[in-house]
Amino acid sequence: MSTTVQPPVTKATYRVDGSAGKGFTSTVAPLPPTRERLISLDVFRGLTVAGMLLVNNPGTWSAIYPPLAHAEWHGWTPTDLIFPFFLFIVGITTHLSLSARRERGDDDGALVRQILRRGGIIFLLGLLMSAFPFYQWGTIEGMTDPSLLDRIAWRWDHVRILGVLQRIALVYVASALLTLRTTLKQQVIILAALLYGYWFAMTLIPIPGKDIGALLLDDKSQTLAAHIDRAILGTKHIWTGSVTYDPEGILSTIPAIGTAILGVIAGRWIAERGRPLVERIAGLLAVGCLAIVAGLMWHWSFPINKNIWTSSYVLFTAGMACASLATIMWIIEEHDIRWWTKPFVIYGVNPIVAFVGSGVLARIIYTLWKVEYEGAPTAVQTVFYKEVFASWLEPRNASLAFALTTVLFWFAILAVMYRRRIFLKI
């Protein structure tokens, strides 16, 4: 992991077709030099990160507008698009990054070492976030007067092993290694094997003491994925919100790899040097629409479900990602409408800072830092929410206002880093 300070950006801007302004009229659209970034990709990533902050930091979880909450089980909401969008972007950037490094002369050994190093750092960051603050506050069941060592030991004995960053790490490593030397045809075969294999496993394998998985998909604690999570991770090391399964669990990581591979395939298409830009945008949009329809049709037999990352969910969300990115590319790269992009570029170039920083801060203000309020120790976040927003706004609007304040707070921090050309790279 490194923090880089880059020199100021020149005033010249480049379209994805390599032109330096609106007057360029070539019908052939080669990609810009490797050193140039796709602004639309940064904007798409920035929109995703900003959306993550918005849905992860409400004023109160008891008052949320439905689109800003995850689907309870089967089905989807806009919130359920955020994580797969990020994994899809991981796939695109993986292809672009590895292609650029190969063009610079890196051999397969160097690329594999880079993949493993980056994946390891991301996984470690996720594990440290799960363990933060590295000891258990408050009372501990079964311990009347726990020592500091007891609190540290208890915390690590109950740490969640998997999580969002850990899944990103595993998916990145697996998708990068699986696509490093494979052809497009081989990547499609791998993708089909992952999605169909997961479908067959989740629906046809009998659950011990129960029925086949297809008849138990409505029961959160009885799916094959839930049984594997409890058997391997144990109930002390999975998501405390469920205790019986982990939404970033072991088995459901397999189809999530498929989400990133679809991103890799999209990256290959975007990077086609011999095709006009508008053709690449149209192709991305068309395939995205087909994937959406395929995912909705698969939903009839294998429901769209983020918590177990069903195969229908992979196709549906990847299709939505393709359509969204195509639209952004059409606006920014084809029509050069960029006046609105700067805030999202700022979010998009430093996503790890926003994710890790907001996660640590949320743990502090929602749980750890308490002050005396109305005669009882109360989390700082609760006090701030009640005094600043809930005192005059309707509950859902107050909760949304707090979330928007969080988004603006992290935008201010990232904007300072952007102005100073400071980017955290892994």
Protein backbone atom coordinates (compact mmCIF):
# COMPACT_ATOMS: atom_id res chain seq x y z
CA MET A 1 0.00 0.00 0.00
CA SER A 2 1.37 3.41 -0.92
CA THR A 3 0.32 7.01 -0.74
CA THR A 4 1.34 8.91 -3.83
CA VAL A 5 1.48 12.63 -4.41
CA GLN A 6 1.04 13.34 -8.09
CA PRO A 7 1.90 16.51 -9.99
CA PRO A 8 -0.92 18.86 -10.99
CA VAL A 9 -3.05 17.75 -13.90
CA THR A 10 -2.65 19.72 -17.10
CA LYS A 11 -5.61 21.61 -18.50
CA ALA A 12 -5.90 19.33 -21.50
CA THR A 13 -8.62 16.71 -21.17
CA TYR A 14 -8.90 13.53 -23.18
CA ARG A 15 -11.89 11.62 -24.40
CA VAL A 16 -11.89 7.85 -24.32
CA ASP A 17 -11.36 7.96 -28.07
CA GLY A 18 -8.08 9.79 -27.59
CA SER A 19 -9.16 13.26 -28.75
CA ALA A 20 -8.13 16.36 -26.83
CA GLY A 21 -11.29 18.38 -27.49
CA LYS A 22 -14.64 18.57 -29.22
CA GLY A 23 -13.20 19.32 -32.64
CA PHE A 24 -11.68 15.89 -33.18
CA THR A 25 -13.79 14.02 -35.76
CA SER A 26 -11.98 10.77 -36.48
CA THR A 27 -14.36 7.83 -36.92
CA VAL A 28 -11.83 5.42 -35.42
CA ALA A 29 -11.64 5.46 -31.63
CA PRO A 30 -8.37 4.17 -30.24
CA LEU A 31 -7.95 4.15 -26.47
CA PRO A 32 -5.85 6.89 -24.90
CA PRO A 33 -2.35 6.08 -23.71
CA THR A 34 -2.26 3.69 -20.77
CA ARG A 35 -1.34 6.52 -18.41
CA GLU A 36 -4.67 8.29 -19.07
CA ARG A 37 -7.68 7.40 -16.92
CA LEU A 38 -11.20 6.79 -18.17
CA ILE A 39 -13.11 9.62 -16.53
CA SER A 40 -16.41 7.77 -16.90
CA LEU A 41 -15.02 4.81 -14.96
CA ASP A 42 -13.87 7.07 -12.13
CA VAL A 43 -17.30 8.73 -12.11
CA PHE A 44 -19.06 5.34 -12.02
CA ARG A 45 -16.84 4.24 -9.15
CA GLY A 46 -17.40 7.55 -7.37
CA LEU A 47 -21.18 7.26 -7.69
CA THR A 48 -20.95 3.76 -6.23
CA VAL A 49 -18.79 4.87 -3.28
CA ALA A 50 -21.05 7.85 -2.55
CA GLY A 51 -24.06 5.55 -2.67
CA MET A 52 -22.35 3.18 -0.24
CA LEU A 53 -21.78 6.01 2.25
CA LEU A 54 -25.39 7.13 1.88
CA VAL A 55 -26.95 3.74 2.65
CA ASN A 56 -24.43 2.68 5.31
CA ASN A 57 -24.80 5.74 7.55
CA PRO A 58 -28.44 6.58 8.29
CA GLY A 59 -29.37 8.67 11.29
CA THR A 60 -31.36 5.72 12.58
CA TRP A 61 -31.87 2.27 11.11
CA SER A 62 -35.51 2.35 12.22
CA ALA A 63 -36.44 5.15 9.79
CA ILE A 64 -35.11 4.60 6.25
CA TYR A 65 -36.70 5.21 2.88
CA PRO A 66 -37.27 1.78 1.25
CA PRO A 67 -34.89 2.33 -1.72
CA LEU A 68 -32.07 3.01 0.78
CA ALA A 69 -32.52 -0.33 2.57
CA HIS A 70 -31.48 -3.79 1.38
CA ALA A 71 -34.18 -6.23 0.34
CA GLU A 72 -35.03 -8.34 3.36
CA TRP A 73 -34.29 -11.58 1.47
CA HIS A 74 -35.40 -12.31 -2.11
CA GLY A 75 -35.67 -9.38 -4.51
CA TRP A 76 -33.67 -6.20 -4.80
CA THR A 77 -33.60 -2.47 -4.13
CA PRO A 78 -31.22 0.19 -5.50
CA THR A 79 -29.09 -0.41 -2.39
CA ASP A 80 -28.53 -4.01 -3.48
CA LEU A 81 -26.80 -2.77 -6.63
CA ILE A 82 -23.95 -0.99 -4.85
CA PHE A 83 -21.72 -3.92 -3.87
CA PRO A 84 -21.99 -5.83 -7.17
CA PHE A 85 -21.35 -2.57 -9.04
CA PHE A 86 -18.10 -2.22 -7.12
CA LEU A 87 -17.05 -5.81 -7.89
CA PHE A 88 -17.93 -5.22 -11.55
CA ILE A 89 -15.66 -2.17 -11.53
CA VAL A 90 -12.94 -4.29 -9.89
CA GLY A 91 -13.16 -6.61 -12.90
CA ILE A 92 -12.88 -3.77 -15.41
CA THR A 93 -9.92 -2.15 -13.67
CA THR A 94 -8.25 -5.53 -13.23
CA HIS A 95 -8.23 -6.08 -16.97
CA LEU A 96 -7.06 -2.53 -17.73
CA SER A 97 -4.37 -2.60 -15.03
CA LEU A 98 -2.94 -6.01 -15.92
CA SER A 99 -2.98 -5.14 -19.63
CA ALA A 100 -1.08 -1.92 -18.94
CA ARG A 101 1.51 -3.71 -16.79
CA ARG A 102 1.96 -6.38 -19.45
CA GLU A 103 2.52 -3.67 -22.07
CA ARG A 104 5.22 -2.20 -19.80
CA GLY A 105 7.02 -5.54 -19.90
CA ASP A 106 5.91 -7.32 -16.71
CA ASP A 107 5.97 -11.11 -17.00
CA ASP A 108 3.38 -13.49 -15.57
CA GLY A 109 5.37 -13.99 -12.37
CA ALA A 110 5.43 -10.27 -11.63
CA LEU A 111 1.71 -9.98 -12.36
CA VAL A 112 0.83 -12.89 -10.07
CA ARG A 113 2.93 -11.44 -7.25
CA GLN A 114 1.20 -8.10 -7.69
CA ILE A 115 -2.23 -9.74 -7.62
CA LEU A 116 -1.46 -11.71 -4.45
CA ARG A 117 0.10 -8.70 -2.75
CA ARG A 118 -2.86 -6.42 -3.44
CA GLY A 119 -5.37 -9.08 -2.48
CA GLY A 120 -3.52 -9.80 0.76
CA ILE A 121 -3.40 -6.14 1.76
CA ILE A 122 -7.12 -5.62 1.06
CA PHE A 123 -8.03 -8.76 3.02
CA LEU A 124 -5.88 -7.65 5.96
CA LEU A 125 -7.49 -4.20 5.96
CA GLY A 126 -10.91 -5.83 6.08
CA LEU A 127 -9.91 -8.12 8.93
CA LEU A 128 -8.47 -5.20 10.92
CA MET A 129 -11.67 -3.22 10.35
CA SER A 130 -13.69 -6.17 11.66
CA ALA A 131 -11.48 -6.40 14.76
CA PHE A 132 -11.35 -2.65 15.48
CA PRO A 133 -10.90 -1.41 18.24
CA PHE A 134 -9.08 -4.73 18.89
CA TYR A 135 -10.54 -5.28 22.35
CA GLN A 136 -14.08 -5.68 23.68
CA TRP A 137 -15.74 -2.73 25.37
CA GLY A 138 -18.45 -2.97 28.00
CA THR A 139 -19.53 -6.08 29.83
CA ILE A 140 -18.58 -9.56 28.64
CA GLU A 141 -20.90 -12.45 29.36
CA GLY A 142 -19.33 -14.90 31.79
CA MET A 143 -16.62 -12.47 32.95
CA THR A 144 -17.25 -10.35 36.03
CA ASP A 145 -14.06 -8.30 35.89
CA PRO A 146 -12.26 -8.94 32.59
CA SER A 147 -8.68 -7.71 32.28
CA LEU A 148 -7.33 -5.88 29.24
CA LEU A 149 -5.82 -9.15 28.00
CA ASP A 150 -9.20 -10.87 28.42
CA ARG A 151 -10.88 -8.15 26.40
CA ILE A 152 -8.32 -8.39 23.60
CA ALA A 153 -8.52 -12.20 23.52
CA TRP A 154 -12.34 -12.13 23.50
CA ARG A 155 -12.40 -9.65 20.64
CA TRP A 156 -10.15 -11.73 18.41
CA ASP A 157 -12.00 -14.91 19.40
CA HIS A 158 -15.20 -13.33 18.07
CA VAL A 159 -13.87 -11.36 15.10
CA ARG A 160 -15.78 -11.64 11.83
CA ILE A 161 -13.37 -13.33 9.43
CA LEU A 162 -15.15 -12.43 6.21
CA GLY A 163 -16.69 -9.11 5.24
CA VAL A 164 -16.97 -6.60 2.40
CA LEU A 165 -13.27 -5.87 1.96
CA GLN A 166 -12.38 -9.51 2.48
CA ARG A 167 -14.81 -10.48 -0.29
CA ILE A 168 -13.37 -7.81 -2.57
CA ALA A 169 -9.89 -9.25 -1.92
CA LEU A 170 -10.87 -12.86 -2.58
CA VAL A 171 -12.89 -11.95 -5.67
CA TYR A 172 -10.10 -9.78 -7.04
CA VAL A 173 -7.44 -12.47 -6.62
CA ALA A 174 -9.61 -15.25 -8.05
CA SER A 175 -10.92 -13.28 -11.03
CA ALA A 176 -7.48 -11.85 -11.85
CA LEU A 177 -5.79 -15.26 -11.78
CA LEU A 178 -8.61 -16.94 -13.73
CA THR A 179 -8.49 -14.33 -16.50
CA LEU A 180 -4.75 -13.62 -16.56
CA ARG A 181 -3.92 -15.98 -19.43
CA THR A 182 -7.35 -17.12 -20.62
CA THR A 183 -9.12 -16.22 -23.84
CA LEU A 184 -12.58 -14.67 -23.99
CA LYS A 185 -14.11 -18.04 -24.82
CA GLN A 186 -12.39 -19.66 -21.84
CA GLN A 187 -13.55 -16.84 -19.56
CA VAL A 188 -17.15 -17.35 -20.67
CA ILE A 189 -16.84 -21.08 -19.94
CA ILE A 190 -15.40 -20.35 -16.48
CA LEU A 191 -18.23 -17.90 -15.80
CA ALA A 192 -20.88 -20.43 -16.87
CA ALA A 193 -19.29 -23.12 -14.68
CA LEU A 194 -19.31 -20.80 -11.65
CA LEU A 195 -22.92 -19.65 -12.07
CA TYR A 196 -24.45 -22.98 -13.06
CA GLY A 197 -22.34 -24.89 -10.54
CA TYR A 198 -23.50 -22.61 -7.74
CA TRP A 199 -27.13 -22.92 -8.87
CA PHE A 200 -26.96 -26.70 -8.91
CA ALA A 201 -25.18 -26.83 -5.54
CA MET A 202 -27.63 -24.48 -3.82
CA THR A 203 -30.72 -26.19 -5.18
CA LEU A 204 -29.91 -29.88 -5.67
CA ILE A 205 -27.62 -30.82 -2.77
CA PRO A 206 -29.64 -32.15 0.20
CA ILE A 207 -29.33 -30.22 3.46
CA PRO A 208 -28.45 -32.55 6.39
CA GLY A 209 -31.65 -33.56 8.15
CA LYS A 210 -33.73 -31.46 5.76
CA ASP A 211 -34.73 -31.51 2.09
CA ILE A 212 -32.92 -30.46 -1.07
CA GLY A 213 -31.70 -26.88 -1.14
CA ALA A 214 -34.30 -25.68 -3.67
CA LEU A 215 -37.04 -26.19 -1.07
CA LEU A 216 -35.15 -24.27 1.62
CA LEU A 217 -34.10 -21.12 -0.22
CA ASP A 218 -36.71 -19.09 1.67
CA ASP A 219 -35.17 -20.01 5.04
CA LYS A 220 -32.12 -17.82 5.72
CA SER A 221 -30.59 -20.23 8.23
CA GLN A 222 -31.12 -23.44 6.25
CA THR A 223 -29.51 -22.75 2.87
CA LEU A 224 -26.41 -24.70 1.89
CA ALA A 225 -24.41 -21.46 2.12
CA ALA A 226 -25.55 -20.91 5.72
CA HIS A 227 -24.65 -24.48 6.72
CA ILE A 228 -21.17 -24.12 5.23
CA ASP A 229 -20.62 -20.77 6.98
CA ARG A 230 -21.52 -22.25 10.37
CA ALA A 231 -19.55 -25.44 9.78
CA ILE A 232 -16.31 -23.75 8.72
CA LEU A 233 -16.38 -20.30 10.31
CA GLY A 234 -18.47 -21.07 13.38
CA THR A 235 -21.15 -18.76 14.75
CA LYS A 236 -18.54 -16.61 16.55
CA HIS A 237 -16.87 -15.56 13.31
CA ILE A 238 -19.78 -14.68 11.04
CA TRP A 239 -21.94 -11.58 10.70
CA THR A 240 -23.48 -10.69 14.06
CA GLY A 241 -26.59 -9.37 12.32
CA SER A 242 -27.69 -12.91 11.52
CA VAL A 243 -25.57 -15.33 13.59
CA THR A 244 -26.74 -18.16 11.31
CA TYR A 245 -25.19 -17.08 7.99
CA ASP A 246 -22.77 -14.53 6.57
CA PRO A 247 -23.86 -12.38 3.58
CA GLU A 248 -20.19 -12.35 2.54
CA GLY A 249 -19.78 -16.01 3.34
CA ILE A 250 -17.66 -18.77 1.84
CA LEU A 251 -19.91 -20.42 -0.73
CA SER A 252 -21.57 -17.22 -1.94
CA THR A 253 -18.13 -15.80 -2.77
CA ILE A 254 -17.98 -18.21 -5.74
CA PRO A 255 -20.71 -16.50 -7.81
CA ALA A 256 -19.34 -13.11 -6.70
CA ILE A 257 -16.19 -14.04 -8.62
CA GLY A 258 -18.48 -14.28 -11.63
CA THR A 259 -19.50 -10.64 -11.12
CA ALA A 260 -15.87 -9.55 -11.42
CA ILE A 261 -15.26 -11.82 -14.43
CA LEU A 262 -18.18 -10.13 -16.17
CA GLY A 263 -16.41 -6.87 -15.37
CA VAL A 264 -13.22 -8.23 -16.94
CA ILE A 265 -15.16 -9.13 -20.09
CA ALA A 266 -16.68 -5.64 -20.15
CA GLY A 267 -13.19 -4.20 -19.74
CA ARG A 268 -11.99 -6.18 -22.75
CA TRP A 269 -14.81 -4.71 -24.82
CA ILE A 270 -14.22 -1.15 -23.61
CA ALA A 271 -10.52 -1.49 -24.45
CA GLU A 272 -11.16 -2.57 -28.08
CA ARG A 273 -8.89 -0.17 -29.95
CA GLY A 274 -10.30 -0.84 -33.40
CA ARG A 275 -13.93 0.02 -32.67
CA PRO A 276 -15.56 3.48 -32.66
CA LEU A 277 -16.52 4.71 -29.21
CA VAL A 278 -20.23 4.81 -29.99
CA GLU A 279 -20.11 1.15 -31.05
CA ARG A 280 -18.51 0.15 -27.76
CA ILE A 281 -21.11 2.12 -25.81
CA ALA A 282 -23.98 0.60 -27.80
CA GLY A 283 -22.58 -2.90 -27.35
CA LEU A 284 -22.19 -2.40 -23.60
CA LEU A 285 -25.76 -1.15 -23.32
CA ALA A 286 -27.22 -3.93 -25.47
CA VAL A 287 -25.46 -6.73 -23.57
CA GLY A 288 -26.42 -5.09 -20.29
CA CYS A 289 -30.11 -5.11 -21.25
CA LEU A 290 -29.88 -8.77 -22.27
CA ALA A 291 -28.21 -9.66 -18.96
CA ILE A 292 -30.95 -7.85 -17.04
CA VAL A 293 -33.62 -9.84 -18.84
CA ALA A 294 -31.72 -13.11 -18.34
CA GLY A 295 -31.32 -12.40 -14.64
CA LEU A 296 -35.04 -11.62 -14.26
CA MET A 297 -35.94 -14.85 -16.06
CA TRP A 298 -33.54 -16.89 -13.91
CA HIS A 299 -35.19 -15.30 -10.89
CA TRP A 300 -38.20 -17.54 -11.48
CA SER A 301 -36.20 -20.63 -10.50
CA PHE A 302 -33.27 -19.14 -8.53
CA PRO A 303 -34.46 -15.88 -6.94
CA ILE A 304 -32.45 -12.67 -7.10
CA ASN A 305 -30.90 -12.47 -3.65
CA LYS A 306 -27.91 -10.43 -2.49
CA ASN A 307 -27.42 -12.28 0.81
CA ILE A 308 -26.61 -15.54 -0.95
CA TRP A 309 -25.44 -13.84 -4.19
CA THR A 310 -27.54 -16.01 -6.46
CA SER A 311 -26.61 -16.56 -10.09
CA SER A 312 -29.66 -14.58 -11.20
CA TYR A 313 -28.44 -11.72 -9.02
CA VAL A 314 -25.03 -11.86 -10.74
CA LEU A 315 -26.52 -11.52 -14.22
CA PHE A 316 -29.11 -8.93 -13.24
CA THR A 317 -26.71 -6.63 -11.39
CA ALA A 318 -23.96 -6.98 -14.00
CA GLY A 319 -26.52 -6.02 -16.64
CA MET A 320 -27.51 -2.97 -14.59
CA ALA A 321 -23.82 -2.09 -14.24
CA CYS A 322 -23.27 -2.35 -18.01
CA ALA A 323 -26.29 -0.18 -18.74
CA SER A 324 -25.28 2.39 -16.12
CA LEU A 325 -21.66 2.58 -17.30
CA ALA A 326 -22.74 2.81 -20.94
CA THR A 327 -25.00 5.73 -20.09
CA ILE A 328 -22.21 7.49 -18.20
CA MET A 329 -19.76 6.90 -21.07
CA TRP A 330 -22.30 8.23 -23.58
CA ILE A 331 -22.76 11.43 -21.57
CA ILE A 332 -19.11 12.03 -20.66
CA GLU A 333 -16.95 10.49 -23.36
CA GLU A 334 -19.21 10.71 -26.42
CA HIS A 335 -20.93 14.06 -25.76
CA ASP A 336 -18.26 15.60 -23.53
CA ILE A 337 -20.75 16.74 -20.87
CA ARG A 338 -18.46 16.90 -17.86
CA TRP A 339 -19.58 19.83 -15.72
CA TRP A 340 -21.18 17.49 -13.17
CA THR A 341 -18.42 14.91 -12.89
CA LYS A 342 -15.84 16.48 -10.55
CA PRO A 343 -17.43 15.46 -7.20
CA PHE A 344 -17.73 11.85 -8.32
CA VAL A 345 -14.21 11.77 -9.74
CA ILE A 346 -13.03 12.94 -6.30
CA TYR A 347 -14.84 10.00 -4.72
CA GLY A 348 -13.74 7.60 -7.45
CA VAL A 349 -9.97 8.09 -7.24
CA ASN A 350 -9.72 7.42 -3.49
CA PRO A 351 -12.36 4.73 -2.78
CA ILE A 352 -10.32 2.83 -0.17
CA VAL A 353 -9.97 5.97 1.97
CA ALA A 354 -13.72 6.55 1.89
CA PHE A 355 -14.56 2.94 2.70
CA VAL A 356 -12.05 2.26 5.45
CA GLY A 357 -12.27 5.74 6.94
CA SER A 358 -16.06 5.78 7.05
CA GLY A 359 -16.16 2.27 8.50
CA VAL A 360 -13.77 3.10 11.33
CA LEU A 361 -15.48 6.43 12.07
CA ALA A 362 -18.90 4.76 12.11
CA ARG A 363 -17.67 2.17 14.63
CA ILE A 364 -16.40 5.02 16.85
CA ILE A 365 -19.41 7.34 16.78
CA TYR A 366 -22.16 4.69 16.60
CA THR A 367 -20.74 2.37 19.27
CA LEU A 368 -17.58 3.34 21.10
CA TRP A 369 -17.68 7.07 21.83
CA LYS A 370 -20.42 7.82 24.35
CA VAL A 371 -21.36 10.94 26.26
CA GLU A 372 -23.85 11.69 29.02
CA TYR A 373 -27.20 12.54 27.44
CA GLU A 374 -30.58 12.66 29.14
CA GLY A 375 -29.13 10.92 32.17
CA ALA A 376 -27.51 7.96 30.37
CA PRO A 377 -24.36 7.19 28.36
CA THR A 378 -25.34 7.67 24.73
CA ALA A 379 -23.45 7.25 21.46
CA VAL A 380 -22.18 10.53 20.01
CA GLN A 381 -23.90 9.74 16.72
CA THR A 382 -27.27 9.41 18.45
CA VAL A 383 -26.84 12.70 20.28
CA PHE A 384 -25.81 14.52 17.10
CA TYR A 385 -28.67 12.99 15.13
CA LYS A 386 -31.31 13.85 17.71
CA GLU A 387 -30.13 17.37 18.39
CA VAL A 388 -29.29 18.47 14.84
CA PHE A 389 -31.84 16.65 12.70
CA ALA A 390 -34.52 14.72 14.62
CA SER A 391 -35.44 17.80 16.66
CA TRP A 392 -37.15 19.40 13.65
CA LEU A 393 -37.41 16.85 10.84
CA GLU A 394 -39.72 13.89 10.30
CA PRO A 395 -37.84 10.67 11.23
CA ARG A 396 -37.09 9.41 7.72
CA ASN A 397 -36.06 12.85 6.52
CA ALA A 398 -33.90 13.34 9.61
CA SER A 399 -32.24 9.97 9.02
CA LEU A 400 -31.62 10.84 5.36
CA ALA A 401 -30.23 14.27 6.32
CA PHE A 402 -27.70 12.62 8.63
CA ALA A 403 -26.66 10.22 5.85
CA LEU A 404 -26.25 13.09 3.38
CA THR A 405 -24.15 14.95 5.96
CA THR A 406 -21.88 11.90 6.15
CA VAL A 407 -21.52 11.88 2.36
CA LEU A 408 -20.60 15.58 2.36
CA PHE A 409 -18.19 15.14 5.29
CA TRP A 410 -16.18 12.51 3.43
CA PHE A 411 -16.38 14.50 0.23
CA ALA A 412 -14.68 17.40 2.02
CA ILE A 413 -11.86 15.13 3.20
CA LEU A 414 -11.40 13.51 -0.21
CA ALA A 415 -11.53 16.92 -1.93
CA VAL A 416 -8.58 18.12 0.17
CA MET A 417 -6.65 14.97 -0.76
CA TYR A 418 -7.57 15.45 -4.43
CA ARG A 419 -6.39 19.06 -4.48
CA ARG A 420 -3.09 17.98 -2.98
CA ARG A 421 -2.86 15.10 -5.49
CA ILE A 422 -2.74 12.50 -2.72
CA PHE A 423 -4.10 9.08 -3.75
CA LEU A 424 -3.98 5.95 -1.64
CA LYS A 425 -2.96 3.01 -3.84
CA ILE A 426 -2.80 -0.67 -2.99
